[in-house]
Amino acid sequence: MLRTIFAVGLMAILGLIALKFIFGIFGFLFAVLFFLLLLALKIAVIGFVLYLVIRILSPDTARRIRQKWSGA
């Protein structure tokens, strides 16, 4: 039982060391990835809002846009 507790503790410590190592080396890449993800999310939200405005003001234009992207 005591050996199992020590093994779990050792695995937890090794996991923390591995995470620190991975985020230390690849931290810059994760930062760039999250920046690009947030940028894409902002663009998607702006596009959705513009589409809603077009859909309210001009339903025919919204229908043409929907047909152009969906095919038919």
N, C-alpha and C. Protein backbone atom coordinates (compact mmCIF):
# COMPACT_ATOMS: atom_id res chain seq x y z
N MET A 1 0.83 -1.19 0.00
CA MET A 1 0.00 0.00 0.00
C MET A 1 0.87 1.25 0.00
N LEU A 2 1.88 1.24 0.81
CA LEU A 2 2.78 2.39 0.88
C LEU A 2 3.54 2.55 -0.44
N ARG A 3 3.90 1.44 -1.06
CA ARG A 3 4.59 1.50 -2.34
C ARG A 3 3.68 2.09 -3.41
N THR A 4 2.39 1.77 -3.38
CA THR A 4 1.44 2.32 -4.35
C THR A 4 1.31 3.83 -4.18
N ILE A 5 1.25 4.29 -2.94
CA ILE A 5 1.14 5.73 -2.68
C ILE A 5 2.37 6.45 -3.20
N PHE A 6 3.56 5.89 -2.95
CA PHE A 6 4.79 6.50 -3.45
C PHE A 6 4.84 6.49 -4.98
N ALA A 7 4.36 5.43 -5.60
CA ALA A 7 4.36 5.34 -7.06
C ALA A 7 3.44 6.41 -7.67
N VAL A 8 2.26 6.59 -7.07
CA VAL A 8 1.34 7.62 -7.56
C VAL A 8 1.96 9.00 -7.39
N GLY A 9 2.57 9.26 -6.25
CA GLY A 9 3.23 10.53 -6.01
C GLY A 9 4.37 10.78 -6.99
N LEU A 10 5.16 9.74 -7.24
CA LEU A 10 6.26 9.87 -8.19
C LEU A 10 5.74 10.16 -9.60
N MET A 11 4.68 9.49 -10.02
CA MET A 11 4.10 9.75 -11.34
C MET A 11 3.56 11.18 -11.43
N ALA A 12 2.96 11.66 -10.35
CA ALA A 12 2.44 13.03 -10.35
C ALA A 12 3.58 14.04 -10.48
N ILE A 13 4.66 13.81 -9.76
CA ILE A 13 5.81 14.72 -9.83
C ILE A 13 6.44 14.67 -11.22
N LEU A 14 6.59 13.47 -11.79
CA LEU A 14 7.14 13.35 -13.14
C LEU A 14 6.23 14.03 -14.17
N GLY A 15 4.93 13.92 -13.98
CA GLY A 15 4.00 14.59 -14.88
C GLY A 15 4.12 16.10 -14.80
N LEU A 16 4.26 16.65 -13.60
CA LEU A 16 4.44 18.10 -13.45
C LEU A 16 5.75 18.57 -14.09
N ILE A 17 6.81 17.79 -13.90
CA ILE A 17 8.09 18.14 -14.53
C ILE A 17 7.97 18.10 -16.05
N ALA A 18 7.29 17.09 -16.57
CA ALA A 18 7.11 16.99 -18.02
C ALA A 18 6.28 18.16 -18.56
N LEU A 19 5.22 18.55 -17.85
CA LEU A 19 4.42 19.69 -18.29
C LEU A 19 5.24 20.98 -18.28
N LYS A 20 6.03 21.19 -17.24
CA LYS A 20 6.87 22.39 -17.18
C LYS A 20 7.86 22.38 -18.33
N PHE A 21 8.44 21.23 -18.62
CA PHE A 21 9.39 21.12 -19.72
C PHE A 21 8.72 21.41 -21.06
N ILE A 22 7.55 20.81 -21.30
CA ILE A 22 6.85 20.99 -22.57
C ILE A 22 6.42 22.43 -22.76
N PHE A 23 5.80 23.03 -21.74
CA PHE A 23 5.35 24.41 -21.88
C PHE A 23 6.53 25.37 -21.88
N GLY A 24 7.65 25.00 -21.30
CA GLY A 24 8.84 25.85 -21.34
C GLY A 24 9.43 25.90 -22.73
N ILE A 25 9.48 24.77 -23.39
CA ILE A 25 10.07 24.72 -24.73
C ILE A 25 9.06 25.20 -25.79
N PHE A 26 7.84 24.73 -25.69
CA PHE A 26 6.86 25.03 -26.71
C PHE A 26 5.90 26.15 -26.30
N GLY A 27 6.25 26.91 -25.29
CA GLY A 27 5.39 27.99 -24.81
C GLY A 27 5.11 29.03 -25.88
N PHE A 28 6.13 29.38 -26.65
CA PHE A 28 5.96 30.36 -27.72
C PHE A 28 4.99 29.84 -28.78
N LEU A 29 5.12 28.56 -29.12
CA LEU A 29 4.22 28.00 -30.13
C LEU A 29 2.77 27.96 -29.64
N PHE A 30 2.58 27.65 -28.35
CA PHE A 30 1.23 27.67 -27.79
C PHE A 30 0.67 29.09 -27.79
N ALA A 31 1.51 30.07 -27.50
CA ALA A 31 1.06 31.46 -27.50
C ALA A 31 0.63 31.89 -28.90
N VAL A 32 1.39 31.52 -29.91
CA VAL A 32 1.03 31.85 -31.29
C VAL A 32 -0.25 31.13 -31.69
N LEU A 33 -0.39 29.88 -31.30
CA LEU A 33 -1.59 29.11 -31.61
C LEU A 33 -2.83 29.75 -31.00
N PHE A 34 -2.76 30.12 -29.73
CA PHE A 34 -3.91 30.74 -29.07
C PHE A 34 -4.21 32.12 -29.65
N PHE A 35 -3.17 32.87 -30.05
CA PHE A 35 -3.39 34.16 -30.69
C PHE A 35 -4.14 33.99 -32.00
N LEU A 36 -3.71 33.04 -32.82
CA LEU A 36 -4.38 32.79 -34.09
C LEU A 36 -5.80 32.27 -33.88
N LEU A 37 -5.99 31.46 -32.86
CA LEU A 37 -7.33 30.95 -32.55
C LEU A 37 -8.26 32.09 -32.15
N LEU A 38 -7.79 32.99 -31.31
CA LEU A 38 -8.61 34.14 -30.92
C LEU A 38 -8.89 35.06 -32.10
N LEU A 39 -7.90 35.25 -32.97
CA LEU A 39 -8.10 36.07 -34.16
C LEU A 39 -9.16 35.46 -35.07
N ALA A 40 -9.11 34.16 -35.28
CA ALA A 40 -10.10 33.48 -36.11
C ALA A 40 -11.49 33.57 -35.48
N LEU A 41 -11.56 33.48 -34.16
CA LEU A 41 -12.84 33.58 -33.47
C LEU A 41 -13.44 34.98 -33.63
N LYS A 42 -12.61 36.00 -33.53
CA LYS A 42 -13.07 37.38 -33.72
C LYS A 42 -13.59 37.59 -35.14
N ILE A 43 -12.87 37.08 -36.12
CA ILE A 43 -13.29 37.22 -37.52
C ILE A 43 -14.61 36.50 -37.75
N ALA A 44 -14.77 35.32 -37.16
CA ALA A 44 -16.01 34.56 -37.31
C ALA A 44 -17.19 35.30 -36.69
N VAL A 45 -16.98 35.90 -35.52
CA VAL A 45 -18.06 36.64 -34.86
C VAL A 45 -18.45 37.86 -35.69
N ILE A 46 -17.46 38.58 -36.21
CA ILE A 46 -17.75 39.76 -37.04
C ILE A 46 -18.50 39.34 -38.30
N GLY A 47 -18.08 38.25 -38.94
CA GLY A 47 -18.77 37.76 -40.12
C GLY A 47 -20.19 37.35 -39.83
N PHE A 48 -20.42 36.71 -38.69
CA PHE A 48 -21.77 36.29 -38.31
C PHE A 48 -22.66 37.50 -38.07
N VAL A 49 -22.13 38.52 -37.40
CA VAL A 49 -22.91 39.74 -37.15
C VAL A 49 -23.24 40.43 -38.47
N LEU A 50 -22.27 40.52 -39.38
CA LEU A 50 -22.54 41.13 -40.69
C LEU A 50 -23.61 40.35 -41.46
N TYR A 51 -23.54 39.02 -41.40
CA TYR A 51 -24.54 38.20 -42.08
C TYR A 51 -25.93 38.43 -41.49
N LEU A 52 -26.01 38.54 -40.15
CA LEU A 52 -27.31 38.80 -39.53
C LEU A 52 -27.87 40.15 -39.96
N VAL A 53 -27.01 41.16 -40.04
CA VAL A 53 -27.46 42.48 -40.48
C VAL A 53 -27.95 42.41 -41.92
N ILE A 54 -27.20 41.73 -42.78
CA ILE A 54 -27.62 41.59 -44.18
C ILE A 54 -28.92 40.81 -44.26
N ARG A 55 -29.07 39.79 -43.42
CA ARG A 55 -30.28 38.97 -43.44
C ARG A 55 -31.51 39.77 -43.02
N ILE A 56 -31.33 40.69 -42.08
CA ILE A 56 -32.44 41.52 -41.63
C ILE A 56 -32.76 42.60 -42.67
N LEU A 57 -31.73 43.26 -43.21
CA LEU A 57 -31.95 44.38 -44.12
C LEU A 57 -32.29 43.94 -45.54
N SER A 58 -31.69 42.84 -45.99
CA SER A 58 -31.90 42.39 -47.37
C SER A 58 -31.92 40.86 -47.42
N PRO A 59 -33.09 40.26 -47.22
CA PRO A 59 -33.16 38.78 -47.22
C PRO A 59 -32.74 38.14 -48.54
N ASP A 60 -32.98 38.81 -49.67
CA ASP A 60 -32.59 38.23 -50.97
C ASP A 60 -31.07 38.12 -51.08
N THR A 61 -30.37 39.15 -50.63
CA THR A 61 -28.91 39.10 -50.66
C THR A 61 -28.40 37.99 -49.74
N ALA A 62 -29.01 37.85 -48.58
CA ALA A 62 -28.61 36.78 -47.66
C ALA A 62 -28.86 35.41 -48.29
N ARG A 63 -29.95 35.27 -49.01
CA ARG A 63 -30.24 33.99 -49.67
C ARG A 63 -29.20 33.69 -50.74
N ARG A 64 -28.80 34.72 -51.51
CA ARG A 64 -27.77 34.52 -52.54
C ARG A 64 -26.42 34.15 -51.91
N ILE A 65 -26.09 34.79 -50.80
CA ILE A 65 -24.84 34.46 -50.11
C ILE A 65 -24.89 33.01 -49.62
N ARG A 66 -26.01 32.61 -49.03
CA ARG A 66 -26.17 31.24 -48.53
C ARG A 66 -26.08 30.23 -49.67
N GLN A 67 -26.68 30.54 -50.82
CA GLN A 67 -26.61 29.64 -51.97
C GLN A 67 -25.20 29.55 -52.54
N LYS A 68 -24.50 30.67 -52.51
CA LYS A 68 -23.13 30.67 -53.04
C LYS A 68 -22.22 29.78 -52.20
N TRP A 69 -22.39 29.80 -50.87
CA TRP A 69 -21.53 29.01 -50.00
C TRP A 69 -21.97 27.55 -49.90
N SER A 70 -23.28 27.30 -49.98
CA SER A 70 -23.76 25.92 -49.80
C SER A 70 -23.86 25.16 -51.11
N GLY A 71 -23.86 25.82 -52.20
CA GLY A 71 -23.90 25.14 -53.49
C GLY A 71 -25.24 25.29 -54.19
N ALA A 72 -26.33 24.98 -53.52
CA ALA A 72 -27.63 25.13 -54.16
C ALA A 72 -28.68 25.30 -53.11
